[in-house]
Amino acid sequence: MSLPHDDLLSQDSAFQSNQSILMIQYGDGYGQRAEDGLNNMRQVGSLIWIPLSLAERDDIQNFWLLHGAVTTWQWAAPNDIERLWRFTGGISENNVGDKYLLRVEVTEEFE
């Protein structure tokens, strides 16, 4: 099951690459850094949808309820390859009349 209504993502949706590192700082000011594991580069993103109908909003919320912030799902972001993703928080929702503006944060996972 893939992310519903990804064709309605706003151009304001954004992705960036983050690298996790291990770092230790010694008392004399000297420090060491190392890559944190084999998959230390991951994509993180902020997904924003254009104004959605109630049914479209419900589809996305049901998808979030199914997966929460624990379960991963496969999805190919626009102009990218398919990756494993998970939600990193809740859904931010604003209501404008009969339209709904949704925003979620996602991160790439390796399993």
N, C-alpha and C. Protein backbone atom coordinates (compact mmCIF):
# COMPACT_ATOMS: atom_id res chain seq x y z
N MET A 1 0.85 -1.17 0.00
CA MET A 1 0.00 0.00 0.00
C MET A 1 0.89 1.24 0.00
N SER A 2 0.63 2.14 -0.91
CA SER A 2 1.43 3.35 -1.03
C SER A 2 0.66 4.56 -0.51
N LEU A 3 1.37 5.63 -0.35
CA LEU A 3 0.80 6.87 0.16
C LEU A 3 -0.36 7.34 -0.71
N PRO A 4 -1.55 7.54 -0.13
CA PRO A 4 -2.69 7.97 -0.94
C PRO A 4 -2.58 9.43 -1.37
N HIS A 5 -3.11 9.71 -2.54
CA HIS A 5 -3.22 11.07 -3.08
C HIS A 5 -1.87 11.78 -3.18
N ASP A 6 -0.82 11.02 -3.53
CA ASP A 6 0.49 11.67 -3.70
C ASP A 6 0.50 12.55 -4.95
N ASP A 7 -0.50 12.38 -5.81
CA ASP A 7 -0.62 13.27 -6.98
C ASP A 7 -1.13 14.65 -6.57
N LEU A 8 -1.58 14.80 -5.34
CA LEU A 8 -2.08 16.08 -4.85
C LEU A 8 -1.10 16.77 -3.90
N LEU A 9 0.15 16.30 -3.87
CA LEU A 9 1.16 16.95 -3.03
C LEU A 9 1.47 18.34 -3.57
N SER A 10 1.62 19.27 -2.68
CA SER A 10 1.95 20.65 -3.03
C SER A 10 3.40 20.77 -3.46
N GLN A 11 3.70 21.79 -4.26
CA GLN A 11 5.09 22.07 -4.62
C GLN A 11 5.88 22.54 -3.41
N ASP A 12 5.21 22.84 -2.31
CA ASP A 12 5.90 23.23 -1.08
C ASP A 12 6.43 22.03 -0.31
N SER A 13 6.08 20.81 -0.73
CA SER A 13 6.67 19.62 -0.11
C SER A 13 8.17 19.64 -0.39
N ALA A 14 8.95 19.22 0.59
CA ALA A 14 10.41 19.32 0.44
C ALA A 14 11.10 18.12 1.07
N PHE A 15 12.26 17.77 0.50
CA PHE A 15 13.07 16.67 0.99
C PHE A 15 14.50 17.15 1.15
N GLN A 16 15.21 16.52 2.07
CA GLN A 16 16.63 16.80 2.22
C GLN A 16 17.33 15.53 2.69
N SER A 17 18.64 15.48 2.48
CA SER A 17 19.44 14.36 2.94
C SER A 17 20.06 14.70 4.28
N ASN A 18 20.00 13.77 5.21
CA ASN A 18 20.63 13.93 6.52
C ASN A 18 21.62 12.80 6.72
N GLN A 19 22.74 13.11 7.32
CA GLN A 19 23.73 12.09 7.64
C GLN A 19 23.84 11.96 9.15
N SER A 20 23.77 10.72 9.64
CA SER A 20 23.98 10.53 11.08
C SER A 20 25.43 10.13 11.32
N ILE A 21 25.98 10.75 12.34
CA ILE A 21 27.38 10.51 12.69
C ILE A 21 27.49 10.22 14.18
N LEU A 22 28.57 9.57 14.52
CA LEU A 22 28.95 9.39 15.92
C LEU A 22 30.04 10.41 16.20
N MET A 23 29.91 11.14 17.30
CA MET A 23 30.89 12.18 17.59
C MET A 23 31.23 12.14 19.07
N ILE A 24 32.49 12.30 19.33
CA ILE A 24 32.95 12.40 20.72
C ILE A 24 33.87 13.60 20.83
N GLN A 25 33.69 14.35 21.87
CA GLN A 25 34.49 15.55 22.12
C GLN A 25 35.31 15.31 23.38
N TYR A 26 36.60 15.47 23.26
CA TYR A 26 37.49 15.28 24.41
C TYR A 26 37.71 16.60 25.13
N GLY A 27 38.16 16.52 26.37
CA GLY A 27 38.35 17.70 27.20
C GLY A 27 39.37 18.70 26.68
N ASP A 28 40.31 18.24 25.86
CA ASP A 28 41.34 19.15 25.36
C ASP A 28 40.90 19.86 24.08
N GLY A 29 39.61 19.71 23.70
CA GLY A 29 39.12 20.36 22.50
C GLY A 29 39.19 19.48 21.26
N TYR A 30 39.92 18.39 21.34
CA TYR A 30 40.04 17.46 20.23
C TYR A 30 38.78 16.61 20.15
N GLY A 31 38.33 16.32 18.96
CA GLY A 31 37.15 15.49 18.79
C GLY A 31 37.32 14.52 17.64
N GLN A 32 36.49 13.50 17.61
CA GLN A 32 36.50 12.54 16.52
C GLN A 32 35.07 12.35 16.03
N ARG A 33 34.95 12.12 14.72
CA ARG A 33 33.66 11.88 14.10
C ARG A 33 33.76 10.64 13.21
N ALA A 34 32.68 9.89 13.13
CA ALA A 34 32.62 8.72 12.25
C ALA A 34 31.19 8.56 11.75
N GLU A 35 31.06 7.98 10.55
CA GLU A 35 29.74 7.69 10.02
C GLU A 35 29.04 6.69 10.94
N ASP A 36 27.76 6.88 11.15
CA ASP A 36 26.98 6.02 12.04
C ASP A 36 26.36 4.88 11.24
N GLY A 37 27.14 3.86 10.98
CA GLY A 37 26.64 2.66 10.30
C GLY A 37 26.68 2.74 8.79
N LEU A 38 26.27 1.64 8.19
CA LEU A 38 26.30 1.50 6.74
C LEU A 38 25.33 2.46 6.05
N ASN A 39 24.13 2.58 6.58
CA ASN A 39 23.09 3.44 5.99
C ASN A 39 22.99 4.74 6.77
N ASN A 40 24.04 5.53 6.74
CA ASN A 40 24.06 6.75 7.54
C ASN A 40 23.49 7.96 6.82
N MET A 41 23.20 7.84 5.53
CA MET A 41 22.56 8.92 4.76
C MET A 41 21.10 8.54 4.54
N ARG A 42 20.20 9.42 4.95
CA ARG A 42 18.78 9.14 4.74
C ARG A 42 18.06 10.41 4.33
N GLN A 43 16.97 10.21 3.63
CA GLN A 43 16.12 11.31 3.20
C GLN A 43 15.08 11.60 4.29
N VAL A 44 14.80 12.86 4.50
CA VAL A 44 13.70 13.27 5.37
C VAL A 44 12.86 14.25 4.57
N GLY A 45 11.58 14.29 4.85
CA GLY A 45 10.73 15.17 4.07
C GLY A 45 9.55 15.71 4.84
N SER A 46 9.04 16.79 4.31
CA SER A 46 7.82 17.41 4.81
C SER A 46 6.82 17.37 3.66
N LEU A 47 5.75 16.60 3.84
CA LEU A 47 4.75 16.45 2.79
C LEU A 47 3.57 17.37 3.08
N ILE A 48 3.23 18.17 2.09
CA ILE A 48 2.13 19.12 2.21
C ILE A 48 1.20 18.89 1.02
N TRP A 49 -0.07 18.72 1.31
CA TRP A 49 -1.05 18.52 0.24
C TRP A 49 -1.75 19.82 -0.10
N ILE A 50 -2.15 19.92 -1.39
CA ILE A 50 -3.00 21.03 -1.79
C ILE A 50 -4.35 20.85 -1.10
N PRO A 51 -5.21 21.86 -1.07
CA PRO A 51 -6.49 21.70 -0.37
C PRO A 51 -7.24 20.43 -0.81
N LEU A 52 -7.62 19.64 0.17
CA LEU A 52 -8.23 18.33 -0.05
C LEU A 52 -9.71 18.33 0.32
N SER A 53 -10.46 17.46 -0.34
CA SER A 53 -11.85 17.24 0.05
C SER A 53 -11.87 16.42 1.34
N LEU A 54 -13.03 16.31 1.95
CA LEU A 54 -13.16 15.52 3.18
C LEU A 54 -12.78 14.06 2.93
N ALA A 55 -13.21 13.48 1.81
CA ALA A 55 -12.90 12.08 1.50
C ALA A 55 -11.40 11.88 1.31
N GLU A 56 -10.75 12.82 0.61
CA GLU A 56 -9.29 12.72 0.41
C GLU A 56 -8.55 12.84 1.75
N ARG A 57 -9.00 13.77 2.59
CA ARG A 57 -8.40 13.92 3.92
C ARG A 57 -8.55 12.63 4.72
N ASP A 58 -9.74 12.04 4.68
CA ASP A 58 -9.98 10.80 5.41
C ASP A 58 -9.08 9.67 4.92
N ASP A 59 -8.85 9.58 3.60
CA ASP A 59 -7.95 8.56 3.05
C ASP A 59 -6.55 8.68 3.65
N ILE A 60 -6.04 9.90 3.70
CA ILE A 60 -4.68 10.12 4.22
C ILE A 60 -4.64 9.86 5.72
N GLN A 61 -5.64 10.31 6.45
CA GLN A 61 -5.66 10.06 7.90
C GLN A 61 -5.78 8.57 8.21
N ASN A 62 -6.57 7.84 7.44
CA ASN A 62 -6.68 6.40 7.65
C ASN A 62 -5.36 5.70 7.36
N PHE A 63 -4.65 6.16 6.34
CA PHE A 63 -3.33 5.61 6.03
C PHE A 63 -2.38 5.86 7.20
N TRP A 64 -2.42 7.07 7.77
CA TRP A 64 -1.57 7.39 8.92
C TRP A 64 -1.95 6.51 10.12
N LEU A 65 -3.25 6.35 10.38
CA LEU A 65 -3.70 5.50 11.49
C LEU A 65 -3.26 4.05 11.32
N LEU A 66 -3.22 3.58 10.08
CA LEU A 66 -2.80 2.22 9.80
C LEU A 66 -1.31 2.02 10.09
N HIS A 67 -0.50 3.02 9.75
CA HIS A 67 0.96 2.89 9.87
C HIS A 67 1.55 3.57 11.09
N GLY A 68 0.96 4.67 11.53
CA GLY A 68 1.51 5.41 12.66
C GLY A 68 2.96 5.80 12.42
N ALA A 69 3.70 5.97 13.50
CA ALA A 69 5.11 6.36 13.39
C ALA A 69 6.04 5.17 13.51
N VAL A 70 5.49 3.95 13.46
CA VAL A 70 6.30 2.75 13.65
C VAL A 70 6.46 1.96 12.35
N THR A 71 5.36 1.68 11.68
CA THR A 71 5.37 0.82 10.51
C THR A 71 5.86 1.57 9.27
N THR A 72 6.70 0.91 8.48
CA THR A 72 7.20 1.52 7.24
C THR A 72 6.28 1.16 6.07
N TRP A 73 6.40 1.95 5.00
CA TRP A 73 5.64 1.73 3.78
C TRP A 73 6.51 2.16 2.60
N GLN A 74 6.29 1.53 1.46
CA GLN A 74 7.07 1.85 0.26
C GLN A 74 6.40 2.97 -0.50
N TRP A 75 7.25 3.88 -1.00
CA TRP A 75 6.73 5.01 -1.77
C TRP A 75 7.87 5.65 -2.55
N ALA A 76 7.57 6.08 -3.75
CA ALA A 76 8.53 6.83 -4.56
C ALA A 76 8.09 8.29 -4.57
N ALA A 77 8.89 9.13 -3.93
CA ALA A 77 8.62 10.58 -3.94
C ALA A 77 8.73 11.08 -5.37
N PRO A 78 8.14 12.23 -5.68
CA PRO A 78 8.24 12.76 -7.04
C PRO A 78 9.70 12.86 -7.50
N ASN A 79 9.97 12.35 -8.67
CA ASN A 79 11.31 12.37 -9.29
C ASN A 79 12.36 11.65 -8.46
N ASP A 80 11.97 10.59 -7.77
CA ASP A 80 12.91 9.84 -6.94
C ASP A 80 12.63 8.35 -7.09
N ILE A 81 13.48 7.53 -6.49
CA ILE A 81 13.30 6.09 -6.50
C ILE A 81 12.40 5.67 -5.35
N GLU A 82 11.93 4.43 -5.41
CA GLU A 82 11.10 3.91 -4.32
C GLU A 82 11.97 3.64 -3.10
N ARG A 83 11.50 4.08 -1.93
CA ARG A 83 12.21 3.91 -0.67
C ARG A 83 11.22 3.46 0.40
N LEU A 84 11.74 3.03 1.53
CA LEU A 84 10.91 2.74 2.70
C LEU A 84 10.81 4.01 3.53
N TRP A 85 9.59 4.35 3.93
CA TRP A 85 9.35 5.58 4.70
C TRP A 85 8.56 5.25 5.96
N ARG A 86 8.63 6.15 6.93
CA ARG A 86 7.74 6.11 8.08
C ARG A 86 7.41 7.53 8.48
N PHE A 87 6.25 7.70 9.09
CA PHE A 87 5.87 9.01 9.62
C PHE A 87 6.69 9.29 10.87
N THR A 88 7.09 10.54 11.06
CA THR A 88 7.89 10.88 12.25
C THR A 88 7.10 11.70 13.25
N GLY A 89 5.85 11.85 13.03
CA GLY A 89 5.00 12.59 13.95
C GLY A 89 3.56 12.48 13.53
N GLY A 90 2.75 13.37 14.03
CA GLY A 90 1.33 13.37 13.72
C GLY A 90 1.02 14.14 12.44
N ILE A 91 -0.26 14.27 12.18
CA ILE A 91 -0.73 15.03 11.02
C ILE A 91 -1.13 16.42 11.49
N SER A 92 -0.60 17.42 10.82
CA SER A 92 -1.01 18.80 11.08
C SER A 92 -2.14 19.11 10.10
N GLU A 93 -3.27 19.57 10.62
CA GLU A 93 -4.44 19.80 9.78
C GLU A 93 -5.02 21.19 10.02
N ASN A 94 -5.32 21.88 8.92
CA ASN A 94 -6.04 23.15 8.97
C ASN A 94 -7.27 23.01 8.09
N ASN A 95 -8.37 23.58 8.54
CA ASN A 95 -9.61 23.54 7.79
C ASN A 95 -9.89 24.92 7.23
N VAL A 96 -10.11 24.97 5.90
CA VAL A 96 -10.45 26.23 5.23
C VAL A 96 -11.76 25.99 4.50
N GLY A 97 -12.86 26.35 5.15
CA GLY A 97 -14.17 26.08 4.55
C GLY A 97 -14.39 24.58 4.46
N ASP A 98 -14.66 24.10 3.24
CA ASP A 98 -14.86 22.66 3.05
C ASP A 98 -13.61 21.96 2.54
N LYS A 99 -12.46 22.62 2.63
CA LYS A 99 -11.18 22.04 2.19
C LYS A 99 -10.26 21.85 3.40
N TYR A 100 -9.34 20.89 3.27
CA TYR A 100 -8.45 20.54 4.37
C TYR A 100 -7.00 20.62 3.90
N LEU A 101 -6.17 21.25 4.70
CA LEU A 101 -4.74 21.36 4.41
C LEU A 101 -4.01 20.44 5.38
N LEU A 102 -3.28 19.46 4.85
CA LEU A 102 -2.58 18.48 5.69
C LEU A 102 -1.08 18.59 5.48
N ARG A 103 -0.35 18.30 6.56
CA ARG A 103 1.11 18.29 6.51
C ARG A 103 1.60 17.17 7.42
N VAL A 104 2.56 16.37 6.93
CA VAL A 104 3.18 15.32 7.74
C VAL A 104 4.68 15.32 7.49
N GLU A 105 5.41 14.82 8.47
CA GLU A 105 6.86 14.68 8.35
C GLU A 105 7.17 13.20 8.18
N VAL A 106 8.10 12.89 7.27
CA VAL A 106 8.48 11.50 7.00
C VAL A 106 10.00 11.37 7.01
N THR A 107 10.46 10.15 7.25
CA THR A 107 11.89 9.86 7.18
C THR A 107 12.09 8.51 6.51
N GLU A 108 13.18 8.40 5.78
CA GLU A 108 13.53 7.14 5.13
C GLU A 108 14.04 6.16 6.18
N GLU A 109 13.68 4.89 6.01
CA GLU A 109 14.13 3.85 6.93
C GLU A 109 14.82 2.74 6.16
N PHE A 110 15.66 2.01 6.85
CA PHE A 110 16.35 0.85 6.28
C PHE A 110 16.04 -0.35 7.16
N GLU A 111 15.53 -1.42 6.55
CA GLU A 111 15.18 -2.62 7.32
C GLU A 111 15.82 -3.82 6.68
